[in-house]
N, C-alpha and C. Protein backbone atom coordinates (compact mmCIF):
# COMPACT_ATOMS: atom_id res chain seq x y z
N MET A 1 15.66 -5.26 3.15
CA MET A 1 15.80 -4.59 4.42
C MET A 1 15.49 -5.59 5.54
N PRO A 2 16.31 -5.68 6.54
CA PRO A 2 16.03 -6.64 7.62
C PRO A 2 14.81 -6.15 8.45
N LEU A 3 14.11 -7.12 9.01
CA LEU A 3 12.97 -6.82 9.89
C LEU A 3 13.48 -6.60 11.28
N THR A 4 13.00 -5.54 11.92
CA THR A 4 13.35 -5.33 13.32
C THR A 4 12.41 -6.18 14.21
N VAL A 5 12.81 -6.38 15.44
CA VAL A 5 12.01 -7.21 16.33
C VAL A 5 10.60 -6.59 16.50
N PRO A 6 10.43 -5.28 16.69
CA PRO A 6 9.08 -4.72 16.83
C PRO A 6 8.20 -4.96 15.60
N VAL A 7 8.80 -4.82 14.41
CA VAL A 7 8.00 -5.06 13.18
C VAL A 7 7.68 -6.52 13.05
N LEU A 8 8.58 -7.42 13.40
CA LEU A 8 8.28 -8.84 13.38
C LEU A 8 7.12 -9.17 14.31
N ARG A 9 7.08 -8.56 15.49
CA ARG A 9 6.01 -8.81 16.44
C ARG A 9 4.67 -8.36 15.86
N VAL A 10 4.65 -7.23 15.15
CA VAL A 10 3.43 -6.76 14.52
C VAL A 10 2.98 -7.76 13.44
N LEU A 11 3.90 -8.21 12.63
CA LEU A 11 3.55 -9.18 11.59
C LEU A 11 3.03 -10.49 12.21
N GLU A 12 3.65 -10.94 13.28
CA GLU A 12 3.17 -12.13 13.96
C GLU A 12 1.75 -11.94 14.50
N ALA A 13 1.49 -10.75 15.07
CA ALA A 13 0.17 -10.45 15.57
C ALA A 13 -0.87 -10.42 14.45
N CYS A 14 -0.45 -9.88 13.29
CA CYS A 14 -1.38 -9.85 12.14
C CYS A 14 -1.71 -11.25 11.66
N ARG A 15 -0.73 -12.11 11.73
CA ARG A 15 -0.94 -13.48 11.31
C ARG A 15 -1.86 -14.22 12.22
N GLY A 16 -1.73 -13.95 13.52
CA GLY A 16 -2.57 -14.66 14.50
C GLY A 16 -2.44 -16.15 14.37
N GLU A 17 -3.57 -16.83 14.32
CA GLU A 17 -3.62 -18.28 14.24
C GLU A 17 -3.75 -18.77 12.80
N ARG A 18 -3.76 -17.82 11.86
CA ARG A 18 -3.96 -18.23 10.45
C ARG A 18 -2.83 -19.11 9.95
N ILE A 19 -3.20 -20.10 9.16
CA ILE A 19 -2.17 -20.91 8.54
C ILE A 19 -2.32 -20.91 7.02
N THR A 20 -3.37 -20.20 6.52
CA THR A 20 -3.54 -20.07 5.08
C THR A 20 -3.86 -18.62 4.77
N GLY A 21 -3.82 -18.28 3.51
CA GLY A 21 -4.12 -16.94 3.10
C GLY A 21 -2.93 -16.06 3.09
N ARG A 22 -3.06 -14.89 2.48
CA ARG A 22 -1.95 -13.98 2.33
C ARG A 22 -1.81 -13.11 3.52
N LEU A 23 -0.63 -13.00 4.02
CA LEU A 23 -0.31 -12.03 5.10
C LEU A 23 0.25 -10.74 4.42
N ILE A 24 1.18 -10.93 3.54
CA ILE A 24 1.73 -9.83 2.81
C ILE A 24 1.02 -9.76 1.47
N LEU A 25 0.62 -8.56 1.11
CA LEU A 25 -0.08 -8.38 -0.16
C LEU A 25 0.81 -8.69 -1.35
N ARG A 26 0.22 -9.39 -2.30
CA ARG A 26 0.94 -9.64 -3.53
C ARG A 26 -0.12 -9.88 -4.59
N PRO A 27 0.28 -9.82 -5.87
CA PRO A 27 -0.67 -10.00 -6.95
C PRO A 27 -1.34 -11.35 -6.89
N LEU A 28 -2.63 -11.40 -7.23
CA LEU A 28 -3.35 -12.64 -7.27
C LEU A 28 -2.75 -13.60 -8.27
N SER A 29 -2.05 -13.11 -9.27
CA SER A 29 -1.44 -13.94 -10.30
C SER A 29 -0.32 -14.78 -9.72
N GLY A 30 0.24 -14.37 -8.57
CA GLY A 30 1.33 -15.11 -7.95
C GLY A 30 2.70 -14.78 -8.55
N LYS A 31 2.69 -13.88 -9.55
CA LYS A 31 3.93 -13.50 -10.22
C LYS A 31 4.66 -12.51 -9.32
N PRO A 32 5.95 -12.31 -9.59
CA PRO A 32 6.69 -11.29 -8.79
C PRO A 32 6.03 -9.88 -8.94
N ILE A 33 6.16 -9.11 -7.89
CA ILE A 33 5.58 -7.77 -7.87
C ILE A 33 6.39 -6.85 -8.76
N ASP A 34 5.71 -6.12 -9.63
CA ASP A 34 6.37 -5.12 -10.42
C ASP A 34 6.02 -3.73 -9.84
N ARG A 35 6.55 -2.69 -10.46
CA ARG A 35 6.35 -1.31 -9.94
C ARG A 35 4.89 -0.95 -9.84
N ARG A 36 4.16 -1.31 -10.88
CA ARG A 36 2.71 -1.00 -10.93
C ARG A 36 1.99 -1.70 -9.81
N ASP A 37 2.30 -2.97 -9.58
CA ASP A 37 1.68 -3.72 -8.50
C ASP A 37 1.95 -3.06 -7.13
N ALA A 38 3.22 -2.69 -6.92
CA ALA A 38 3.60 -2.08 -5.67
C ALA A 38 2.84 -0.77 -5.43
N TYR A 39 2.73 0.00 -6.53
CA TYR A 39 1.99 1.28 -6.39
C TYR A 39 0.54 1.04 -6.04
N ARG A 40 -0.08 0.09 -6.73
CA ARG A 40 -1.50 -0.18 -6.44
C ARG A 40 -1.71 -0.68 -5.01
N MET A 41 -0.80 -1.51 -4.53
CA MET A 41 -0.91 -2.05 -3.17
C MET A 41 -0.83 -0.94 -2.16
N VAL A 42 0.16 -0.04 -2.32
CA VAL A 42 0.35 1.04 -1.41
C VAL A 42 -0.87 1.97 -1.42
N MET A 43 -1.40 2.26 -2.62
CA MET A 43 -2.56 3.11 -2.69
C MET A 43 -3.78 2.45 -2.04
N ARG A 44 -3.97 1.12 -2.19
CA ARG A 44 -5.09 0.44 -1.61
C ARG A 44 -5.00 0.44 -0.09
N VAL A 45 -3.80 0.18 0.46
CA VAL A 45 -3.64 0.21 1.90
C VAL A 45 -3.82 1.62 2.44
N ALA A 46 -3.27 2.62 1.77
CA ALA A 46 -3.43 4.02 2.21
C ALA A 46 -4.89 4.40 2.22
N LYS A 47 -5.61 4.03 1.20
CA LYS A 47 -7.04 4.41 1.12
C LYS A 47 -7.81 3.72 2.28
N ALA A 48 -7.51 2.44 2.51
CA ALA A 48 -8.16 1.69 3.61
C ALA A 48 -7.86 2.29 4.95
N ALA A 49 -6.65 2.85 5.10
CA ALA A 49 -6.22 3.48 6.34
C ALA A 49 -6.72 4.91 6.47
N GLY A 50 -7.35 5.41 5.43
CA GLY A 50 -7.88 6.77 5.50
C GLY A 50 -6.84 7.87 5.30
N ILE A 51 -5.73 7.51 4.66
CA ILE A 51 -4.71 8.53 4.39
C ILE A 51 -5.17 9.32 3.17
N PRO A 52 -5.42 10.62 3.38
CA PRO A 52 -6.03 11.43 2.30
C PRO A 52 -5.07 11.87 1.21
N ARG A 53 -3.77 12.06 1.54
CA ARG A 53 -2.93 12.60 0.49
C ARG A 53 -2.27 11.49 -0.32
N HIS A 54 -1.78 11.86 -1.47
CA HIS A 54 -1.15 10.89 -2.35
C HIS A 54 0.09 10.27 -1.68
N ILE A 55 0.18 8.98 -1.74
CA ILE A 55 1.32 8.28 -1.20
C ILE A 55 1.70 7.18 -2.18
N SER A 56 2.99 6.92 -2.26
CA SER A 56 3.48 5.94 -3.24
C SER A 56 4.63 5.15 -2.59
N PRO A 57 5.04 4.06 -3.22
CA PRO A 57 6.21 3.34 -2.65
C PRO A 57 7.43 4.28 -2.54
N HIS A 58 7.58 5.16 -3.51
CA HIS A 58 8.75 6.09 -3.50
C HIS A 58 8.64 7.06 -2.34
N SER A 59 7.44 7.52 -2.01
CA SER A 59 7.33 8.43 -0.86
C SER A 59 7.56 7.69 0.44
N LEU A 60 7.24 6.40 0.49
CA LEU A 60 7.61 5.62 1.67
C LEU A 60 9.11 5.48 1.79
N ARG A 61 9.80 5.37 0.64
CA ARG A 61 11.26 5.26 0.65
C ARG A 61 11.84 6.57 1.17
N HIS A 62 11.32 7.70 0.71
CA HIS A 62 11.76 9.01 1.21
C HIS A 62 11.58 9.05 2.74
N ALA A 63 10.41 8.65 3.20
CA ALA A 63 10.13 8.71 4.64
C ALA A 63 11.08 7.84 5.42
N ALA A 64 11.36 6.63 4.93
CA ALA A 64 12.26 5.71 5.63
C ALA A 64 13.67 6.30 5.75
N ILE A 65 14.16 6.89 4.67
CA ILE A 65 15.46 7.46 4.71
C ILE A 65 15.50 8.71 5.62
N THR A 66 14.50 9.56 5.53
CA THR A 66 14.42 10.69 6.41
C THR A 66 14.39 10.30 7.87
N ASN A 67 13.55 9.29 8.19
CA ASN A 67 13.44 8.82 9.56
C ASN A 67 14.76 8.20 10.06
N ALA A 68 15.44 7.49 9.18
CA ALA A 68 16.73 6.90 9.57
C ALA A 68 17.71 8.02 9.90
N LEU A 69 17.78 9.02 9.06
CA LEU A 69 18.73 10.11 9.32
C LEU A 69 18.32 10.92 10.57
N ASP A 70 17.01 11.13 10.77
CA ASP A 70 16.56 11.79 11.97
C ASP A 70 16.90 11.02 13.22
N ALA A 71 16.94 9.71 13.12
CA ALA A 71 17.22 8.86 14.26
C ALA A 71 18.71 8.79 14.54
N GLY A 72 19.52 9.45 13.72
CA GLY A 72 20.94 9.49 13.97
C GLY A 72 21.74 8.46 13.21
N VAL A 73 21.08 7.75 12.26
CA VAL A 73 21.82 6.82 11.43
C VAL A 73 22.82 7.59 10.58
N PRO A 74 24.08 7.21 10.59
CA PRO A 74 25.06 7.92 9.76
C PRO A 74 24.68 7.87 8.29
N LEU A 75 25.03 8.97 7.58
CA LEU A 75 24.69 9.06 6.17
C LEU A 75 25.16 7.85 5.39
N ARG A 76 26.38 7.41 5.65
CA ARG A 76 26.94 6.26 4.91
C ARG A 76 26.04 5.02 5.14
N ASP A 77 25.60 4.77 6.34
CA ASP A 77 24.72 3.60 6.61
C ASP A 77 23.36 3.77 5.90
N ALA A 78 22.82 4.97 5.92
CA ALA A 78 21.56 5.21 5.21
C ALA A 78 21.77 5.05 3.71
N GLN A 79 22.89 5.48 3.22
CA GLN A 79 23.20 5.28 1.79
C GLN A 79 23.24 3.82 1.44
N ILE A 80 23.88 3.01 2.24
CA ILE A 80 23.98 1.56 2.00
C ILE A 80 22.57 0.95 2.08
N LEU A 81 21.80 1.32 3.09
CA LEU A 81 20.44 0.82 3.23
C LEU A 81 19.58 1.13 1.98
N ALA A 82 19.76 2.33 1.45
CA ALA A 82 18.99 2.79 0.29
C ALA A 82 19.61 2.25 -1.02
N ARG A 83 20.75 1.63 -0.95
CA ARG A 83 21.46 1.13 -2.13
C ARG A 83 21.79 2.27 -3.13
N HIS A 84 22.18 3.39 -2.60
CA HIS A 84 22.58 4.52 -3.43
C HIS A 84 24.09 4.47 -3.68
N ALA A 85 24.54 4.72 -4.92
CA ALA A 85 25.94 4.70 -5.23
C ALA A 85 26.59 6.00 -4.72
N ASP A 86 25.86 7.07 -4.68
CA ASP A 86 26.39 8.37 -4.30
C ASP A 86 25.69 8.93 -3.08
N PRO A 87 26.44 9.32 -2.06
CA PRO A 87 25.78 9.85 -0.85
C PRO A 87 24.95 11.12 -1.10
N ARG A 88 25.25 11.86 -2.17
CA ARG A 88 24.46 13.04 -2.48
C ARG A 88 23.02 12.67 -2.85
N THR A 89 22.85 11.47 -3.40
CA THR A 89 21.49 10.98 -3.74
C THR A 89 20.74 10.77 -2.40
N THR A 90 21.38 10.16 -1.44
CA THR A 90 20.75 9.93 -0.14
C THR A 90 20.40 11.24 0.52
N GLU A 91 21.28 12.21 0.42
CA GLU A 91 21.03 13.53 1.02
C GLU A 91 19.80 14.18 0.42
N ARG A 92 19.55 13.99 -0.85
CA ARG A 92 18.36 14.57 -1.48
C ARG A 92 17.08 13.94 -0.94
N TYR A 93 17.17 12.71 -0.48
CA TYR A 93 15.97 12.03 0.06
C TYR A 93 15.63 12.59 1.44
N ASP A 94 16.57 13.23 2.10
CA ASP A 94 16.32 13.75 3.45
C ASP A 94 15.53 15.02 3.42
N ARG A 95 14.19 14.87 3.50
CA ARG A 95 13.29 16.01 3.38
C ARG A 95 13.26 16.86 4.63
N ALA A 96 13.77 16.33 5.75
CA ALA A 96 13.64 17.07 7.02
C ALA A 96 15.01 17.49 7.56
N ARG A 97 15.99 17.64 6.69
CA ARG A 97 17.34 18.02 7.10
C ARG A 97 17.25 19.29 7.98
N GLY A 98 17.84 19.20 9.17
CA GLY A 98 17.84 20.35 10.05
C GLY A 98 16.61 20.48 10.91
N ASN A 99 15.62 19.68 10.74
CA ASN A 99 14.41 19.72 11.54
C ASN A 99 14.58 18.78 12.73
N LEU A 100 14.96 19.32 13.89
CA LEU A 100 15.25 18.49 15.04
C LEU A 100 14.02 18.13 15.84
N ASP A 101 12.83 18.65 15.44
CA ASP A 101 11.62 18.38 16.17
C ASP A 101 10.95 17.07 15.73
N ARG A 102 11.37 16.49 14.64
CA ARG A 102 10.75 15.27 14.13
C ARG A 102 11.22 14.05 14.93
N PRO A 103 10.25 13.16 15.21
CA PRO A 103 10.70 11.90 15.88
C PRO A 103 11.48 11.02 14.98
N GLY A 104 12.29 10.16 15.50
CA GLY A 104 13.11 9.26 14.73
C GLY A 104 12.45 7.98 14.39
N VAL A 105 13.14 7.13 13.66
CA VAL A 105 12.61 5.88 13.20
C VAL A 105 12.23 4.96 14.36
N HIS A 106 12.96 5.06 15.51
CA HIS A 106 12.62 4.21 16.63
C HIS A 106 11.24 4.53 17.20
N PHE A 107 10.87 5.79 17.22
CA PHE A 107 9.53 6.17 17.66
C PHE A 107 8.47 5.65 16.69
N LEU A 108 8.76 5.72 15.40
CA LEU A 108 7.85 5.21 14.39
C LEU A 108 7.70 3.69 14.54
N THR A 109 8.81 3.00 14.72
CA THR A 109 8.75 1.52 14.91
C THR A 109 7.97 1.19 16.17
N ALA A 110 8.19 1.92 17.24
CA ALA A 110 7.44 1.64 18.48
C ALA A 110 5.94 1.87 18.29
N TYR A 111 5.63 2.92 17.54
CA TYR A 111 4.20 3.21 17.26
C TYR A 111 3.57 2.09 16.44
N VAL A 112 4.27 1.70 15.37
CA VAL A 112 3.73 0.62 14.54
C VAL A 112 3.55 -0.67 15.35
N ALA A 113 4.49 -0.93 16.23
CA ALA A 113 4.43 -2.14 17.05
C ALA A 113 3.49 -2.03 18.20
N GLY A 114 2.95 -0.81 18.43
CA GLY A 114 1.99 -0.63 19.55
C GLY A 114 2.63 -0.63 20.89
N VAL A 115 3.92 -0.34 20.94
CA VAL A 115 4.65 -0.33 22.23
C VAL A 115 4.42 0.94 22.93
């Protein structure tokens, strides 16, 4: 997934003046991240952020697709972003279908970026 300018700004701010150490979490082994590693990382960050309910990489995927659709991204584009072969799969990810009161992905991005 491409990085948007607001997200890139947040990552640069997190990096600060550091030239060593990990910015993005990854296993200490240095090996590629597997499903279990991703789950543990998300759980660790959620716990540190005080998020009380269960959250997983897959729930983040659901949220991203829902936010994209809420923001007006066409279903076909969301399907491509999610790498789904069938648009019906993408539609199942949309947990807020018909809920027009939810903010879109641009509001979420602005919030994350502190704009």
